N, C-alpha and C. Protein backbone atom coordinates (compact mmCIF):
# COMPACT_ATOMS: atom_id res chain seq x y z
N UNK A 1 -8.89 8.67 5.12
CA UNK A 1 -7.46 8.77 4.90
C UNK A 1 -6.77 9.35 6.15
N UNK A 2 -7.38 10.35 6.76
CA UNK A 2 -6.76 10.98 7.92
C UNK A 2 -6.60 9.98 9.07
N UNK A 3 -7.56 9.10 9.25
CA UNK A 3 -7.44 8.10 10.31
C UNK A 3 -6.23 7.21 10.06
N UNK A 4 -6.05 6.77 8.83
CA UNK A 4 -4.89 5.95 8.51
C UNK A 4 -3.60 6.74 8.79
N UNK A 5 -3.57 8.01 8.40
CA UNK A 5 -2.37 8.83 8.64
C UNK A 5 -2.06 8.93 10.13
N UNK A 6 -3.08 9.03 10.94
CA UNK A 6 -2.89 9.14 12.39
C UNK A 6 -2.43 7.83 13.02
N UNK A 7 -2.89 6.70 12.48
CA UNK A 7 -2.72 5.42 13.17
C UNK A 7 -1.58 4.55 12.65
N UNK A 8 -1.19 4.73 11.41
CA UNK A 8 -0.11 3.91 10.86
C UNK A 8 1.24 4.47 11.29
N UNK A 9 2.21 3.58 11.45
CA UNK A 9 3.58 3.99 11.78
C UNK A 9 4.28 4.39 10.49
N UNK A 10 4.02 5.61 10.05
CA UNK A 10 4.57 6.09 8.79
C UNK A 10 5.96 6.66 9.00
N UNK A 11 6.82 6.42 8.03
CA UNK A 11 8.19 6.93 8.04
C UNK A 11 8.50 7.41 6.63
N UNK A 12 9.72 7.78 6.41
CA UNK A 12 10.13 8.16 5.06
C UNK A 12 10.03 6.97 4.10
N UNK A 13 10.21 5.76 4.62
CA UNK A 13 10.18 4.58 3.75
C UNK A 13 8.87 3.80 3.82
N UNK A 14 7.95 4.22 4.68
CA UNK A 14 6.60 3.64 4.76
C UNK A 14 5.64 4.82 4.71
N UNK A 15 4.91 4.94 3.61
CA UNK A 15 4.11 6.16 3.42
C UNK A 15 2.79 5.86 2.72
N UNK A 16 1.89 6.81 2.86
CA UNK A 16 0.60 6.76 2.17
C UNK A 16 0.64 7.69 0.96
N UNK A 17 -0.51 7.74 0.28
CA UNK A 17 -0.65 8.58 -0.91
C UNK A 17 0.07 9.91 -0.75
N UNK A 18 0.86 10.23 -1.73
CA UNK A 18 1.51 11.53 -1.76
C UNK A 18 0.61 12.51 -2.50
N UNK A 19 0.52 13.71 -1.99
CA UNK A 19 -0.25 14.76 -2.65
C UNK A 19 0.63 15.99 -2.75
N UNK A 20 0.76 16.50 -3.94
CA UNK A 20 1.54 17.73 -4.14
C UNK A 20 0.82 18.89 -3.47
N UNK A 21 1.58 19.91 -3.07
CA UNK A 21 0.97 21.04 -2.37
C UNK A 21 0.02 21.85 -3.25
N UNK A 22 0.11 21.69 -4.54
CA UNK A 22 -0.76 22.41 -5.47
C UNK A 22 -1.99 21.59 -5.88
N UNK A 23 -2.10 20.36 -5.34
CA UNK A 23 -3.18 19.46 -5.76
C UNK A 23 -4.02 19.05 -4.56
N UNK A 24 -5.21 18.57 -4.86
CA UNK A 24 -6.08 18.01 -3.82
C UNK A 24 -6.50 16.63 -4.29
N UNK A 25 -6.19 15.61 -3.50
CA UNK A 25 -6.52 14.24 -3.86
C UNK A 25 -7.95 13.91 -3.45
N UNK A 26 -8.60 13.08 -4.23
CA UNK A 26 -9.92 12.57 -3.86
C UNK A 26 -9.77 11.25 -3.10
N UNK A 27 -8.55 10.74 -2.97
CA UNK A 27 -8.25 9.52 -2.24
C UNK A 27 -9.20 8.39 -2.63
N UNK A 28 -9.26 8.12 -3.92
CA UNK A 28 -10.08 7.03 -4.42
C UNK A 28 -9.66 5.73 -3.76
N UNK A 29 -8.36 5.57 -3.54
CA UNK A 29 -7.83 4.41 -2.84
C UNK A 29 -6.83 4.89 -1.80
N UNK A 30 -6.69 4.09 -0.74
CA UNK A 30 -5.68 4.37 0.27
C UNK A 30 -4.47 3.51 -0.10
N UNK A 31 -3.43 4.18 -0.56
CA UNK A 31 -2.26 3.50 -1.11
C UNK A 31 -1.11 3.54 -0.13
N UNK A 32 -0.58 2.37 0.19
CA UNK A 32 0.57 2.23 1.08
C UNK A 32 1.77 1.82 0.25
N UNK A 33 2.88 2.52 0.43
CA UNK A 33 4.13 2.16 -0.22
C UNK A 33 5.17 1.86 0.84
N UNK A 34 5.90 0.76 0.65
CA UNK A 34 6.94 0.35 1.58
C UNK A 34 8.22 0.16 0.77
N UNK A 35 9.17 1.05 0.95
CA UNK A 35 10.37 1.06 0.11
C UNK A 35 11.17 -0.23 0.17
N UNK A 36 11.15 -0.94 1.29
CA UNK A 36 11.96 -2.15 1.39
C UNK A 36 11.24 -3.40 0.90
N UNK A 37 10.06 -3.23 0.33
CA UNK A 37 9.37 -4.35 -0.30
C UNK A 37 9.91 -4.61 -1.70
N UNK A 38 9.90 -5.86 -2.08
CA UNK A 38 9.95 -6.24 -3.48
C UNK A 38 8.62 -6.96 -3.70
N UNK A 39 8.40 -7.50 -4.87
CA UNK A 39 7.12 -8.13 -5.16
C UNK A 39 6.82 -9.31 -4.23
N UNK A 40 7.86 -10.07 -3.91
CA UNK A 40 7.69 -11.24 -3.03
C UNK A 40 7.31 -10.79 -1.62
N UNK A 41 8.01 -9.79 -1.09
CA UNK A 41 7.71 -9.30 0.26
C UNK A 41 6.33 -8.65 0.31
N UNK A 42 5.99 -7.89 -0.72
CA UNK A 42 4.67 -7.28 -0.77
C UNK A 42 3.58 -8.35 -0.74
N UNK A 43 3.74 -9.39 -1.55
CA UNK A 43 2.74 -10.45 -1.59
C UNK A 43 2.66 -11.21 -0.26
N UNK A 44 3.81 -11.40 0.39
CA UNK A 44 3.83 -12.07 1.70
C UNK A 44 3.10 -11.20 2.74
N UNK A 45 3.34 -9.90 2.68
CA UNK A 45 2.67 -8.95 3.57
C UNK A 45 1.16 -9.00 3.37
N UNK A 46 0.73 -8.98 2.13
CA UNK A 46 -0.69 -9.04 1.81
C UNK A 46 -1.31 -10.35 2.29
N UNK A 47 -0.60 -11.45 2.10
CA UNK A 47 -1.10 -12.76 2.54
C UNK A 47 -1.23 -12.81 4.05
N UNK A 48 -0.28 -12.26 4.76
CA UNK A 48 -0.35 -12.25 6.22
C UNK A 48 -1.54 -11.42 6.70
N UNK A 49 -1.77 -10.28 6.06
CA UNK A 49 -2.94 -9.49 6.42
C UNK A 49 -4.23 -10.27 6.13
N UNK A 50 -4.24 -10.99 5.02
CA UNK A 50 -5.43 -11.78 4.65
C UNK A 50 -5.72 -12.82 5.73
N UNK A 51 -4.67 -13.45 6.29
CA UNK A 51 -4.90 -14.44 7.35
C UNK A 51 -5.47 -13.78 8.61
N UNK A 52 -5.27 -12.48 8.72
CA UNK A 52 -5.81 -11.72 9.86
C UNK A 52 -7.15 -11.06 9.52
N UNK A 53 -7.70 -11.42 8.37
CA UNK A 53 -9.03 -10.92 7.99
C UNK A 53 -9.03 -9.56 7.33
N UNK A 54 -7.89 -9.15 6.78
CA UNK A 54 -7.81 -7.83 6.12
C UNK A 54 -7.43 -8.05 4.67
N UNK A 55 -8.30 -7.63 3.77
CA UNK A 55 -8.07 -7.78 2.34
C UNK A 55 -7.36 -6.55 1.80
N UNK A 56 -6.38 -6.75 0.96
CA UNK A 56 -5.66 -5.67 0.30
C UNK A 56 -5.54 -6.02 -1.17
N UNK A 57 -5.09 -5.06 -1.95
CA UNK A 57 -4.88 -5.28 -3.38
C UNK A 57 -3.55 -4.66 -3.78
N UNK A 58 -2.82 -5.32 -4.68
CA UNK A 58 -1.58 -4.69 -5.15
C UNK A 58 -1.91 -3.47 -6.00
N UNK A 59 -0.91 -2.60 -6.15
CA UNK A 59 -1.06 -1.49 -7.08
C UNK A 59 -1.41 -2.04 -8.46
N UNK A 60 -1.82 -1.16 -9.32
CA UNK A 60 -2.06 -1.56 -10.70
C UNK A 60 -0.75 -2.02 -11.33
N UNK A 61 -0.85 -2.97 -12.24
CA UNK A 61 0.35 -3.40 -12.95
C UNK A 61 0.74 -2.32 -13.96
N UNK A 62 1.97 -2.35 -14.38
CA UNK A 62 2.42 -1.36 -15.36
C UNK A 62 1.88 -1.72 -16.74
N UNK A 63 1.63 -0.71 -17.55
CA UNK A 63 1.18 -0.96 -18.92
C UNK A 63 2.20 -1.79 -19.68
N UNK A 64 3.47 -1.54 -19.43
CA UNK A 64 4.53 -2.25 -20.17
C UNK A 64 4.55 -3.75 -19.86
N UNK A 65 3.86 -4.17 -18.79
CA UNK A 65 3.82 -5.60 -18.47
C UNK A 65 2.66 -6.31 -19.18
N UNK A 66 1.80 -5.55 -19.84
CA UNK A 66 0.68 -6.14 -20.57
C UNK A 66 1.13 -6.50 -21.98
N UNK A 67 0.75 -7.68 -22.47
CA UNK A 67 1.23 -8.15 -23.78
C UNK A 67 1.02 -7.15 -24.91
N UNK A 68 -0.13 -6.48 -24.94
CA UNK A 68 -0.39 -5.58 -26.06
C UNK A 68 0.43 -4.30 -26.01
N UNK A 69 1.05 -4.00 -24.86
CA UNK A 69 1.88 -2.80 -24.73
C UNK A 69 3.31 -3.16 -24.35
N UNK A 70 3.70 -4.40 -24.53
CA UNK A 70 5.00 -4.89 -24.07
C UNK A 70 6.13 -3.99 -24.56
N UNK A 71 6.93 -3.61 -23.61
CA UNK A 71 8.14 -2.83 -23.87
C UNK A 71 9.02 -2.92 -22.63
N UNK A 72 10.17 -2.36 -22.71
CA UNK A 72 11.04 -2.33 -21.54
C UNK A 72 10.32 -1.52 -20.46
N UNK A 73 10.20 -2.09 -19.26
CA UNK A 73 9.47 -1.38 -18.20
C UNK A 73 10.13 -0.04 -17.86
N UNK A 74 9.31 0.94 -17.60
CA UNK A 74 9.81 2.22 -17.11
C UNK A 74 10.18 2.00 -15.64
N UNK A 75 11.38 2.36 -15.24
CA UNK A 75 11.88 1.96 -13.92
C UNK A 75 11.05 2.46 -12.74
N UNK A 76 10.56 3.67 -12.77
CA UNK A 76 9.80 4.18 -11.62
C UNK A 76 8.45 3.48 -11.53
N UNK A 77 7.78 3.33 -12.65
CA UNK A 77 6.48 2.63 -12.65
C UNK A 77 6.66 1.18 -12.20
N UNK A 78 7.70 0.53 -12.68
CA UNK A 78 7.96 -0.86 -12.31
C UNK A 78 8.21 -0.97 -10.81
N UNK A 79 8.99 -0.06 -10.26
CA UNK A 79 9.29 -0.09 -8.82
C UNK A 79 8.04 0.19 -8.00
N UNK A 80 7.24 1.17 -8.40
CA UNK A 80 6.01 1.48 -7.66
C UNK A 80 5.08 0.27 -7.62
N UNK A 81 4.99 -0.46 -8.72
CA UNK A 81 4.09 -1.61 -8.74
C UNK A 81 4.58 -2.71 -7.80
N UNK A 82 5.86 -2.75 -7.50
CA UNK A 82 6.42 -3.75 -6.58
C UNK A 82 6.21 -3.38 -5.11
N UNK A 83 6.25 -2.11 -4.80
CA UNK A 83 6.26 -1.69 -3.40
C UNK A 83 4.90 -1.24 -2.88
N UNK A 84 3.92 -1.12 -3.76
CA UNK A 84 2.65 -0.53 -3.36
C UNK A 84 1.50 -1.50 -3.26
N UNK A 85 0.58 -1.16 -2.36
CA UNK A 85 -0.67 -1.90 -2.24
C UNK A 85 -1.75 -0.96 -1.75
N UNK A 86 -2.99 -1.39 -1.94
CA UNK A 86 -4.14 -0.60 -1.54
C UNK A 86 -4.76 -1.20 -0.28
N UNK A 87 -4.95 -0.36 0.71
CA UNK A 87 -5.58 -0.78 1.96
C UNK A 87 -7.10 -0.68 1.84
N UNK A 88 -7.82 -1.33 2.73
CA UNK A 88 -9.28 -1.25 2.67
C UNK A 88 -9.77 0.20 2.77
N UNK A 89 -10.71 0.51 1.92
CA UNK A 89 -11.35 1.83 1.97
C UNK A 89 -12.79 1.67 1.51
N UNK A 90 -13.66 2.34 2.21
CA UNK A 90 -15.08 2.25 1.95
C UNK A 90 -15.71 3.40 2.71
N UNK A 91 -16.70 4.04 2.13
CA UNK A 91 -17.23 5.24 2.76
C UNK A 91 -17.88 4.98 4.11
N UNK A 92 -18.23 3.74 4.40
CA UNK A 92 -18.81 3.42 5.71
C UNK A 92 -17.83 2.72 6.65
N UNK A 93 -16.56 2.72 6.30
CA UNK A 93 -15.54 2.14 7.17
C UNK A 93 -15.48 2.97 8.45
N UNK A 94 -15.62 2.33 9.59
CA UNK A 94 -15.65 3.06 10.86
C UNK A 94 -14.25 3.29 11.41
N UNK A 95 -14.16 4.20 12.32
CA UNK A 95 -12.88 4.48 13.00
C UNK A 95 -12.37 3.21 13.69
N UNK A 96 -13.25 2.46 14.31
CA UNK A 96 -12.85 1.22 15.00
C UNK A 96 -12.27 0.23 13.99
N UNK A 97 -12.88 0.12 12.82
CA UNK A 97 -12.36 -0.78 11.79
C UNK A 97 -10.99 -0.32 11.29
N UNK A 98 -10.82 0.98 11.08
CA UNK A 98 -9.53 1.49 10.63
C UNK A 98 -8.48 1.30 11.71
N UNK A 99 -8.85 1.45 12.96
CA UNK A 99 -7.91 1.20 14.06
C UNK A 99 -7.42 -0.24 14.03
N UNK A 100 -8.32 -1.19 13.83
CA UNK A 100 -7.92 -2.60 13.75
C UNK A 100 -7.02 -2.86 12.55
N UNK A 101 -7.38 -2.31 11.40
CA UNK A 101 -6.56 -2.49 10.19
C UNK A 101 -5.17 -1.92 10.43
N UNK A 102 -5.10 -0.71 10.97
CA UNK A 102 -3.81 -0.06 11.20
C UNK A 102 -2.97 -0.85 12.20
N UNK A 103 -3.61 -1.36 13.23
CA UNK A 103 -2.88 -2.16 14.23
C UNK A 103 -2.26 -3.39 13.58
N UNK A 104 -3.01 -4.07 12.72
CA UNK A 104 -2.49 -5.26 12.05
C UNK A 104 -1.42 -4.90 11.02
N UNK A 105 -1.62 -3.82 10.28
CA UNK A 105 -0.60 -3.38 9.31
C UNK A 105 0.70 -3.07 10.04
N UNK A 106 0.61 -2.30 11.12
CA UNK A 106 1.81 -1.97 11.90
C UNK A 106 2.49 -3.22 12.43
N UNK A 107 1.70 -4.17 12.92
CA UNK A 107 2.25 -5.40 13.48
C UNK A 107 2.99 -6.21 12.41
N UNK A 108 2.37 -6.39 11.25
CA UNK A 108 3.01 -7.17 10.19
C UNK A 108 4.25 -6.45 9.68
N UNK A 109 4.18 -5.13 9.54
CA UNK A 109 5.37 -4.38 9.10
C UNK A 109 6.51 -4.57 10.09
N UNK A 110 6.21 -4.52 11.39
CA UNK A 110 7.24 -4.74 12.41
C UNK A 110 7.86 -6.13 12.31
N UNK A 111 7.02 -7.13 12.06
CA UNK A 111 7.51 -8.51 11.92
C UNK A 111 8.39 -8.68 10.69
N UNK A 112 8.10 -7.95 9.63
CA UNK A 112 8.81 -8.12 8.37
C UNK A 112 9.97 -7.15 8.15
N UNK A 113 10.05 -6.13 8.98
CA UNK A 113 11.05 -5.08 8.79
C UNK A 113 12.47 -5.66 8.78
N UNK A 114 13.25 -5.32 7.76
CA UNK A 114 14.64 -5.81 7.73
C UNK A 114 15.44 -5.27 8.91
N UNK A 115 16.34 -6.08 9.38
CA UNK A 115 17.17 -5.68 10.52
C UNK A 115 18.37 -4.90 10.10
């Protein structure tokens, strides 16, 4: 996680997992949130990374979007599911691999950033 924090161009609107000062995260996944994404932009971003050999996954879907729990979506959960994705993470991921991933993530974000 620290390598990603060092290498990604993070801003207030492009961020990684948030951790409260009273908590310690186990960073099961490396989660990237981009405030200016909607579901279409997020999917386009993920597809572009895939063409560059980097696999990502969207955040989990909201419970309210599942048929057995169907209800009006909770706005924060619905928004998080649109703007978030999981970056590659694996205990044997090397610094060189994270550098390449971060370089491509930064490049695609720059290409897609609204003017």
